[in-house]
C-alpha atoms as a PDB file:
ATOM      1  CA  MET A   1     -22.689  61.926  47.175  1.00  0.00           C
ATOM      2  CA  ARG A   2     -24.456  62.440  50.541  1.00  0.00           C
ATOM      3  CA  ILE A   3     -26.711  59.436  49.933  1.00  0.00           C
ATOM      4  CA  GLU A   4     -23.753  57.236  49.001  1.00  0.00           C
ATOM      5  CA  LEU A   5     -21.880  58.317  52.121  1.00  0.00           C
ATOM      6  CA  ALA A   6     -24.944  57.724  54.312  1.00  0.00           C
ATOM      7  CA  GLU A   7     -25.392  54.246  52.821  1.00  0.00           C
ATOM      8  CA  TYR A   8     -21.684  53.501  53.253  1.00  0.00           C
ATOM      9  CA  ARG A   9     -21.811  54.520  56.912  1.00  0.00           C
ATOM     10  CA  LEU A  10     -24.936  52.482  57.555  1.00  0.00           C
ATOM     11  CA  ASN A  11     -23.374  49.409  55.937  1.00  0.00           C
ATOM     12  CA  ARG A  12     -20.289  49.976  58.070  1.00  0.00           C
ATOM     13  CA  ALA A  13     -22.524  50.169  61.160  1.00  0.00           C
ATOM     14  CA  LYS A  14     -24.019  46.774  60.265  1.00  0.00           C
ATOM     15  CA  ASP A  15     -20.492  45.330  60.042  1.00  0.00           C
ATOM     16  CA  ILE A  16     -19.688  46.811  63.450  1.00  0.00           C
ATOM     17  CA  VAL A  17     -22.808  45.155  64.929  1.00  0.00           C
ATOM     18  CA  LYS A  18     -21.412  41.846  63.642  1.00  0.00           C
ATOM     19  CA  GLU A  19     -18.082  42.641  65.363  1.00  0.00           C
ATOM     20  CA  SER A  20     -20.004  43.230  68.592  1.00  0.00           C
ATOM     21  CA  GLU A  21     -21.802  39.890  68.203  1.00  0.00           C
ATOM     22  CA  ASP A  22     -18.514  38.089  67.563  1.00  0.00           C
ATOM     23  CA  SER A  23     -16.888  39.735  70.585  1.00  0.00           C
ATOM     24  CA  LEU A  24     -19.824  38.737  72.791  1.00  0.00           C
ATOM     25  CA  LYS A  25     -19.586  35.116  71.600  1.00  0.00           C
ATOM     26  CA  GLN A  26     -15.875  35.160  72.425  1.00  0.00           C
ATOM     27  CA  ARG A  27     -16.738  36.574  75.869  1.00  0.00           C
ATOM     28  CA  HIS A  28     -14.885  39.840  75.201  1.00  0.00           C
ATOM     29  CA  PHE A  29     -17.591  41.912  76.865  1.00  0.00           C
ATOM     30  CA  ALA A  30     -15.736  45.234  76.993  1.00  0.00           C
ATOM     31  CA  LEU A  31     -14.908  44.975  73.298  1.00  0.00           C
ATOM     32  CA  SER A  32     -18.515  44.055  72.541  1.00  0.00           C
ATOM     33  CA  VAL A  33     -19.877  47.196  74.245  1.00  0.00           C
ATOM     34  CA  ASN A  34     -17.263  49.247  72.407  1.00  0.00           C
ATOM     35  CA  ARG A  35     -18.422  47.893  69.056  1.00  0.00           C
ATOM     36  CA  SER A  36     -22.106  48.317  69.969  1.00  0.00           C
ATOM     37  CA  TYR A  37     -21.486  51.984  70.721  1.00  0.00           C
ATOM     38  CA  TYR A  38     -19.599  52.511  67.478  1.00  0.00           C
ATOM     39  CA  ALA A  39     -22.410  50.845  65.511  1.00  0.00           C
ATOM     40  CA  MET A  40     -24.874  53.387  66.934  1.00  0.00           C
ATOM     41  CA  PHE A  41     -22.424  56.276  66.564  1.00  0.00           C
ATOM     42  CA  THR A  42     -21.773  55.385  62.918  1.00  0.00           C
ATOM     43  CA  SER A  43     -25.517  55.049  62.271  1.00  0.00           C
ATOM     44  CA  ALA A  44     -26.066  58.508  63.768  1.00  0.00           C
ATOM     45  CA  ARG A  45     -23.364  59.920  61.491  1.00  0.00           C
ATOM     46  CA  ALA A  46     -25.043  58.219  58.507  1.00  0.00           C
ATOM     47  CA  LEU A  47     -28.258  60.113  59.188  1.00  0.00           C
ATOM     48  CA  LEU A  48     -26.460  63.370  59.941  1.00  0.00           C
ATOM     49  CA  VAL A  49     -24.729  63.372  56.556  1.00  0.00           C
ATOM     50  CA  LEU A  50     -28.176  63.626  54.946  1.00  0.00           C
ATOM     51  CA  LYS A  51     -28.594  66.890  56.892  1.00  0.00           C
ATOM     52  CA  GLU A  52     -25.052  67.956  55.908  1.00  0.00           C
ATOM     53  CA  LYS A  53     -23.959  67.876  59.559  1.00  0.00           C
ATOM     54  CA  ASP A  54     -20.964  66.236  61.238  1.00  0.00           C
ATOM     55  CA  SER A  55     -18.502  66.798  64.059  1.00  0.00           C
ATOM     56  CA  SER A  56     -15.002  65.613  64.837  1.00  0.00           C
ATOM     57  CA  LYS A  57     -16.044  64.978  68.465  1.00  0.00           C
ATOM     58  CA  HIS A  58     -18.312  62.256  69.764  1.00  0.00           C
ATOM     59  CA  SER A  59     -20.183  64.703  71.980  1.00  0.00           C
ATOM     60  CA  GLY A  60     -20.634  66.960  68.950  1.00  0.00           C
ATOM     61  CA  VAL A  61     -22.105  64.145  66.848  1.00  0.00           C
ATOM     62  CA  ILE A  62     -24.518  63.254  69.651  1.00  0.00           C
ATOM     63  CA  ALA A  63     -25.543  66.902  70.127  1.00  0.00           C
ATOM     64  CA  LEU A  64     -26.110  67.338  66.370  1.00  0.00           C
ATOM     65  CA  PHE A  65     -28.023  64.057  66.219  1.00  0.00           C
ATOM     66  CA  ASN A  66     -30.314  65.223  69.008  1.00  0.00           C
ATOM     67  CA  GLN A  67     -30.769  68.664  67.434  1.00  0.00           C
ATOM     68  CA  TYR A  68     -31.303  67.705  63.787  1.00  0.00           C
ATOM     69  CA  ILE A  69     -32.631  64.143  63.920  1.00  0.00           C
ATOM     70  CA  ILE A  70     -34.288  63.514  67.315  1.00  0.00           C
ATOM     71  CA  LYS A  71     -35.794  66.932  68.107  1.00  0.00           C
ATOM     72  CA  PRO A  72     -37.628  67.292  64.763  1.00  0.00           C
ATOM     73  CA  GLY A  73     -39.117  63.809  65.276  1.00  0.00           C
ATOM     74  CA  ILE A  74     -37.235  62.133  62.433  1.00  0.00           C
ATOM     75  CA  PHE A  75     -35.934  59.351  64.711  1.00  0.00           C
ATOM     76  CA  PRO A  76     -37.663  57.939  67.829  1.00  0.00           C
ATOM     77  CA  LYS A  77     -36.715  59.906  70.931  1.00  0.00           C
ATOM     78  CA  GLU A  78     -36.409  56.807  73.132  1.00  0.00           C
ATOM     79  CA  TYR A  79     -33.551  55.585  70.946  1.00  0.00           C
ATOM     80  CA  SER A  80     -31.451  58.649  71.738  1.00  0.00           C
ATOM     81  CA  LYS A  81     -30.903  57.289  75.258  1.00  0.00           C
ATOM     82  CA  PHE A  82     -29.463  54.110  73.724  1.00  0.00           C
ATOM     83  CA  LEU A  83     -26.704  56.214  72.193  1.00  0.00           C
ATOM     84  CA  ARG A  84     -26.028  58.191  75.387  1.00  0.00           C
ATOM     85  CA  GLU A  85     -25.932  55.047  77.543  1.00  0.00           C
ATOM     86  CA  ALA A  86     -23.742  53.219  75.022  1.00  0.00           C
ATOM     87  CA  LYS A  87     -21.272  56.115  75.063  1.00  0.00           C
ATOM     88  CA  ARG A  88     -21.148  56.069  78.860  1.00  0.00           C
ATOM     89  CA  ILE A  89     -20.587  52.331  79.163  1.00  0.00           C
ATOM     90  CA  ARG A  90     -18.087  52.309  76.288  1.00  0.00           C
ATOM     91  CA  GLU A  91     -16.054  55.036  78.000  1.00  0.00           C
ATOM     92  CA  ASP A  92     -16.177  53.095  81.288  1.00  0.00           C
ATOM     93  CA  ALA A  93     -15.044  49.943  79.483  1.00  0.00           C
ATOM     94  CA  ASP A  94     -12.289  51.657  77.511  1.00  0.00           C
ATOM     95  CA  TYR A  95     -10.928  54.089  80.091  1.00  0.00           C
ATOM     96  CA  GLY A  96     -12.197  53.147  83.548  1.00  0.00           C
ATOM     97  CA  ASP A  97     -10.085  51.474  86.195  1.00  0.00           C
ATOM     98  CA  PHE A  98     -11.461  48.373  87.909  1.00  0.00           C
ATOM     99  CA  VAL A  99     -14.519  48.401  85.635  1.00  0.00           C
ATOM    100  CA  GLU A 100     -16.063  45.035  84.928  1.00  0.00           C
ATOM    101  CA  ILE A 101     -18.349  44.831  81.942  1.00  0.00           C
ATOM    102  CA  THR A 102     -20.684  41.887  82.366  1.00  0.00           C
ATOM    103  CA  GLU A 103     -22.175  39.567  79.803  1.00  0.00           C
ATOM    104  CA  GLU A 104     -25.549  41.164  80.549  1.00  0.00           C
ATOM    105  CA  ASP A 105     -24.114  44.642  79.862  1.00  0.00           C
ATOM    106  CA  ALA A 106     -22.792  43.447  76.517  1.00  0.00           C
ATOM    107  CA  GLU A 107     -26.060  41.716  75.604  1.00  0.00           C
ATOM    108  CA  ILE A 108     -28.122  44.821  76.388  1.00  0.00           C
ATOM    109  CA  GLN A 109     -25.825  47.071  74.381  1.00  0.00           C
ATOM    110  CA  LEU A 110     -25.838  44.681  71.432  1.00  0.00           C
ATOM    111  CA  LYS A 111     -29.651  44.461  71.487  1.00  0.00           C
ATOM    112  CA  ASN A 112     -29.852  48.274  71.564  1.00  0.00           C
ATOM    113  CA  ALA A 113     -27.301  48.599  68.764  1.00  0.00           C
ATOM    114  CA  LYS A 114     -29.334  46.255  66.572  1.00  0.00           C
ATOM    115  CA  LYS A 115     -32.534  48.225  67.220  1.00  0.00           C
ATOM    116  CA  PHE A 116     -30.745  51.538  66.641  1.00  0.00           C
ATOM    117  CA  THR A 117     -29.112  50.501  63.359  1.00  0.00           C
ATOM    118  CA  GLU A 118     -32.314  48.899  62.036  1.00  0.00           C
ATOM    119  CA  GLU A 119     -34.272  52.061  62.848  1.00  0.00           C
ATOM    120  CA  ALA A 120     -31.510  54.159  61.268  1.00  0.00           C
ATOM    121  CA  LYS A 121     -31.901  52.185  58.039  1.00  0.00           C
ATOM    122  CA  ARG A 122     -35.670  52.781  57.979  1.00  0.00           C
ATOM    123  CA  THR A 123     -35.157  56.453  58.849  1.00  0.00           C
ATOM    124  CA  MET A 124     -32.542  56.888  56.139  1.00  0.00           C
ATOM    125  CA  GLN A 125     -34.909  55.448  53.535  1.00  0.00           C
ATOM    126  CA  ARG A 126     -37.673  57.849  54.655  1.00  0.00           C
ATOM    127  CA  MET A 127     -35.286  60.818  54.595  1.00  0.00           C
ATOM    128  CA  ILE A 128     -34.065  59.972  51.095  1.00  0.00           C
ATOM    129  CA  THR A 129     -37.609  59.462  49.789  1.00  0.00           C
ATOM    130  CA  LYS A 130     -38.710  62.756  51.314  1.00  0.00           C
ATOM    131  CA  ALA A 131     -35.739  64.597  49.790  1.00  0.00           C
ATOM    132  CA  GLU A 132     -36.386  63.063  46.356  1.00  0.00           C
ATOM    133  CA  ASN A 133     -40.067  64.028  46.483  1.00  0.00           C
ATOM    134  CA  GLY A 134     -39.291  67.527  47.671  1.00  0.00           C
END
């Protein structure tokens, strides 16, 4: 069941990346950064389910991801800043007053989301193989 849920979440993250791409093409930059963040967030939750970890709060998911996935070296450390930065810019876009999200902001976040989700897929496959081989 954990593997199926992890795969479901990762497939959902890929769909969210597509939503980010579509939003960028339509010049909805704030929506694009929102979707990029959620693609990374959902990918993080996909990996966490394999460790039987989750949180109802975004900050909790990020803390668990850092503790159980980044710190042990399962996922590249440099990618953890993608998630933190995406959360910050998404919150600015969604809740900030007089915040202008630029096309460049949206492009950077989308590029990071693609890298993050692709790495999450590779990491998930390694984690599953390792679990199956004991």
